[in-house]
Amino acid sequence: MSTEFRIGDHVRWNSEAGMVSGIIRKVHKENFQFRGRTRHCSPEAPQYEIESDKTGHIAMHKGTALKRIH
């Protein structure tokens, strides 16, 4: 089971460019479209919309890819 995150949590994840950090802006608990693809999620396995601290880029990740920054 993955950790639950909330809007406003500061998190980091490993990307192709290395470690990236950002703020969770939205929590998705139902399937949705993102950049032309269906993202599958549920209340038990949500996906998190995160705004990068450095670039403002929006990324989408499962909770298992994220680590909370304290």
N, C-alpha and C. Protein backbone atom coordinates (compact mmCIF):
# COMPACT_ATOMS: atom_id res chain seq x y z
N MET A 1 0.85 -1.19 0.00
CA MET A 1 0.00 0.00 0.00
C MET A 1 0.89 1.25 0.00
N SER A 2 0.52 2.22 -0.78
CA SER A 2 1.32 3.44 -0.87
C SER A 2 0.90 4.44 0.21
N THR A 3 1.78 5.39 0.45
CA THR A 3 1.52 6.44 1.42
C THR A 3 0.49 7.40 0.84
N GLU A 4 -0.40 7.88 1.68
CA GLU A 4 -1.38 8.89 1.25
C GLU A 4 -0.74 10.27 1.34
N PHE A 5 -0.93 11.04 0.30
CA PHE A 5 -0.46 12.42 0.27
C PHE A 5 -1.65 13.34 0.12
N ARG A 6 -1.47 14.61 0.49
CA ARG A 6 -2.55 15.59 0.40
C ARG A 6 -2.09 16.81 -0.40
N ILE A 7 -3.05 17.58 -0.87
CA ILE A 7 -2.75 18.83 -1.55
C ILE A 7 -1.92 19.70 -0.62
N GLY A 8 -0.85 20.27 -1.17
CA GLY A 8 0.04 21.12 -0.39
C GLY A 8 1.26 20.40 0.14
N ASP A 9 1.26 19.06 0.11
CA ASP A 9 2.44 18.31 0.57
C ASP A 9 3.61 18.58 -0.37
N HIS A 10 4.80 18.72 0.21
CA HIS A 10 6.03 18.90 -0.55
C HIS A 10 6.65 17.52 -0.71
N VAL A 11 6.86 17.10 -1.96
CA VAL A 11 7.35 15.75 -2.24
C VAL A 11 8.52 15.80 -3.22
N ARG A 12 9.20 14.65 -3.33
CA ARG A 12 10.25 14.52 -4.35
C ARG A 12 10.09 13.18 -5.03
N TRP A 13 10.65 13.10 -6.25
CA TRP A 13 10.60 11.87 -7.02
C TRP A 13 11.79 11.81 -7.95
N ASN A 14 12.09 10.63 -8.43
CA ASN A 14 13.22 10.42 -9.34
C ASN A 14 12.71 10.52 -10.77
N SER A 15 13.25 11.45 -11.53
CA SER A 15 12.87 11.61 -12.93
C SER A 15 14.06 11.26 -13.82
N GLU A 16 13.87 11.32 -15.11
CA GLU A 16 14.96 11.07 -16.06
C GLU A 16 16.11 12.05 -15.85
N ALA A 17 15.80 13.24 -15.33
CA ALA A 17 16.81 14.27 -15.13
C ALA A 17 17.39 14.25 -13.72
N GLY A 18 16.99 13.27 -12.90
CA GLY A 18 17.46 13.20 -11.52
C GLY A 18 16.33 13.49 -10.55
N MET A 19 16.69 13.78 -9.31
CA MET A 19 15.67 14.03 -8.28
C MET A 19 15.00 15.39 -8.52
N VAL A 20 13.68 15.39 -8.42
CA VAL A 20 12.88 16.59 -8.62
C VAL A 20 11.96 16.74 -7.41
N SER A 21 11.67 17.97 -7.05
CA SER A 21 10.75 18.21 -5.94
C SER A 21 9.64 19.14 -6.39
N GLY A 22 8.52 19.07 -5.68
CA GLY A 22 7.39 19.92 -6.02
C GLY A 22 6.28 19.81 -5.00
N ILE A 23 5.21 20.53 -5.26
CA ILE A 23 4.05 20.61 -4.38
C ILE A 23 2.86 19.91 -5.04
N ILE A 24 2.19 19.06 -4.28
CA ILE A 24 0.99 18.40 -4.80
C ILE A 24 -0.11 19.45 -4.93
N ARG A 25 -0.66 19.55 -6.14
CA ARG A 25 -1.72 20.53 -6.43
C ARG A 25 -3.09 19.89 -6.53
N LYS A 26 -3.15 18.58 -6.86
CA LYS A 26 -4.43 17.91 -7.04
C LYS A 26 -4.26 16.42 -6.79
N VAL A 27 -5.30 15.79 -6.24
CA VAL A 27 -5.31 14.35 -6.02
C VAL A 27 -6.43 13.77 -6.89
N HIS A 28 -6.08 12.83 -7.77
CA HIS A 28 -7.06 12.20 -8.67
C HIS A 28 -7.40 10.81 -8.15
N LYS A 29 -8.70 10.54 -7.99
CA LYS A 29 -9.14 9.24 -7.48
C LYS A 29 -10.04 8.51 -8.47
N GLU A 30 -10.22 9.08 -9.65
CA GLU A 30 -10.97 8.45 -10.74
C GLU A 30 -10.15 8.60 -12.02
N ASN A 31 -10.29 7.66 -12.95
CA ASN A 31 -9.57 7.73 -14.22
C ASN A 31 -9.78 9.09 -14.87
N PHE A 32 -8.73 9.60 -15.51
CA PHE A 32 -8.81 10.92 -16.16
C PHE A 32 -7.83 10.97 -17.31
N GLN A 33 -7.96 11.99 -18.15
CA GLN A 33 -7.08 12.20 -19.29
C GLN A 33 -5.97 13.19 -18.90
N PHE A 34 -4.75 12.87 -19.26
CA PHE A 34 -3.61 13.76 -19.02
C PHE A 34 -2.67 13.63 -20.21
N ARG A 35 -2.48 14.73 -20.92
CA ARG A 35 -1.63 14.76 -22.11
C ARG A 35 -1.99 13.67 -23.12
N GLY A 36 -3.30 13.53 -23.34
CA GLY A 36 -3.78 12.62 -24.37
C GLY A 36 -3.82 11.15 -23.99
N ARG A 37 -3.55 10.84 -22.75
CA ARG A 37 -3.58 9.44 -22.30
C ARG A 37 -4.46 9.30 -21.06
N THR A 38 -5.08 8.14 -20.94
CA THR A 38 -5.89 7.86 -19.77
C THR A 38 -4.98 7.46 -18.62
N ARG A 39 -5.12 8.14 -17.49
CA ARG A 39 -4.40 7.79 -16.27
C ARG A 39 -5.38 7.00 -15.41
N HIS A 40 -4.99 5.80 -15.01
CA HIS A 40 -5.85 4.93 -14.23
C HIS A 40 -5.56 5.11 -12.74
N CYS A 41 -6.61 5.36 -11.98
CA CYS A 41 -6.47 5.53 -10.54
C CYS A 41 -7.79 5.22 -9.87
N SER A 42 -7.76 5.17 -8.55
CA SER A 42 -8.94 4.87 -7.76
C SER A 42 -8.75 5.48 -6.38
N PRO A 43 -9.78 5.46 -5.54
CA PRO A 43 -9.60 5.97 -4.17
C PRO A 43 -8.49 5.21 -3.42
N GLU A 44 -8.31 3.92 -3.73
CA GLU A 44 -7.29 3.12 -3.07
C GLU A 44 -5.90 3.34 -3.68
N ALA A 45 -5.85 3.80 -4.92
CA ALA A 45 -4.58 4.02 -5.62
C ALA A 45 -4.65 5.33 -6.41
N PRO A 46 -4.65 6.47 -5.71
CA PRO A 46 -4.77 7.76 -6.40
C PRO A 46 -3.50 8.12 -7.16
N GLN A 47 -3.64 9.09 -8.06
CA GLN A 47 -2.50 9.69 -8.74
C GLN A 47 -2.44 11.15 -8.31
N TYR A 48 -1.22 11.66 -8.25
CA TYR A 48 -0.99 13.00 -7.72
C TYR A 48 -0.46 13.92 -8.79
N GLU A 49 -1.08 15.09 -8.91
CA GLU A 49 -0.65 16.14 -9.84
C GLU A 49 0.29 17.06 -9.07
N ILE A 50 1.53 17.16 -9.55
CA ILE A 50 2.57 17.86 -8.80
C ILE A 50 3.18 18.96 -9.66
N GLU A 51 3.35 20.14 -9.07
CA GLU A 51 3.99 21.26 -9.74
C GLU A 51 5.45 21.33 -9.30
N SER A 52 6.36 21.22 -10.26
CA SER A 52 7.80 21.24 -9.97
C SER A 52 8.21 22.56 -9.33
N ASP A 53 9.04 22.47 -8.29
CA ASP A 53 9.55 23.68 -7.63
C ASP A 53 10.39 24.52 -8.58
N LYS A 54 11.19 23.86 -9.39
CA LYS A 54 12.16 24.57 -10.22
C LYS A 54 11.58 25.13 -11.50
N THR A 55 10.74 24.33 -12.20
CA THR A 55 10.29 24.75 -13.53
C THR A 55 8.81 25.10 -13.62
N GLY A 56 8.02 24.69 -12.63
CA GLY A 56 6.58 24.91 -12.71
C GLY A 56 5.88 23.85 -13.55
N HIS A 57 6.65 22.93 -14.14
CA HIS A 57 6.12 21.83 -14.95
C HIS A 57 5.17 20.97 -14.11
N ILE A 58 4.10 20.49 -14.71
CA ILE A 58 3.15 19.63 -14.02
C ILE A 58 3.48 18.18 -14.35
N ALA A 59 3.64 17.39 -13.30
CA ALA A 59 3.91 15.95 -13.46
C ALA A 59 2.80 15.17 -12.77
N MET A 60 2.64 13.92 -13.16
CA MET A 60 1.62 13.04 -12.59
C MET A 60 2.32 11.78 -12.10
N HIS A 61 2.09 11.39 -10.85
CA HIS A 61 2.74 10.21 -10.29
C HIS A 61 1.83 9.47 -9.33
N LYS A 62 2.11 8.16 -9.22
CA LYS A 62 1.48 7.34 -8.19
C LYS A 62 2.20 7.60 -6.88
N GLY A 63 1.53 7.32 -5.79
CA GLY A 63 2.13 7.53 -4.48
C GLY A 63 3.39 6.74 -4.24
N THR A 64 3.52 5.57 -4.88
CA THR A 64 4.70 4.74 -4.69
C THR A 64 5.97 5.39 -5.24
N ALA A 65 5.83 6.38 -6.13
CA ALA A 65 6.99 7.06 -6.71
C ALA A 65 7.41 8.28 -5.91
N LEU A 66 6.62 8.64 -4.90
CA LEU A 66 6.84 9.89 -4.17
C LEU A 66 7.38 9.67 -2.77
N LYS A 67 8.14 10.67 -2.30
CA LYS A 67 8.61 10.68 -0.92
C LYS A 67 8.35 12.08 -0.37
N ARG A 68 7.71 12.14 0.79
CA ARG A 68 7.39 13.43 1.41
C ARG A 68 8.68 14.10 1.89
N ILE A 69 8.79 15.40 1.65
CA ILE A 69 9.91 16.21 2.15
C ILE A 69 9.40 16.94 3.38
N HIS A 70 10.10 16.82 4.46
CA HIS A 70 9.65 17.45 5.72
C HIS A 70 10.22 18.82 5.89
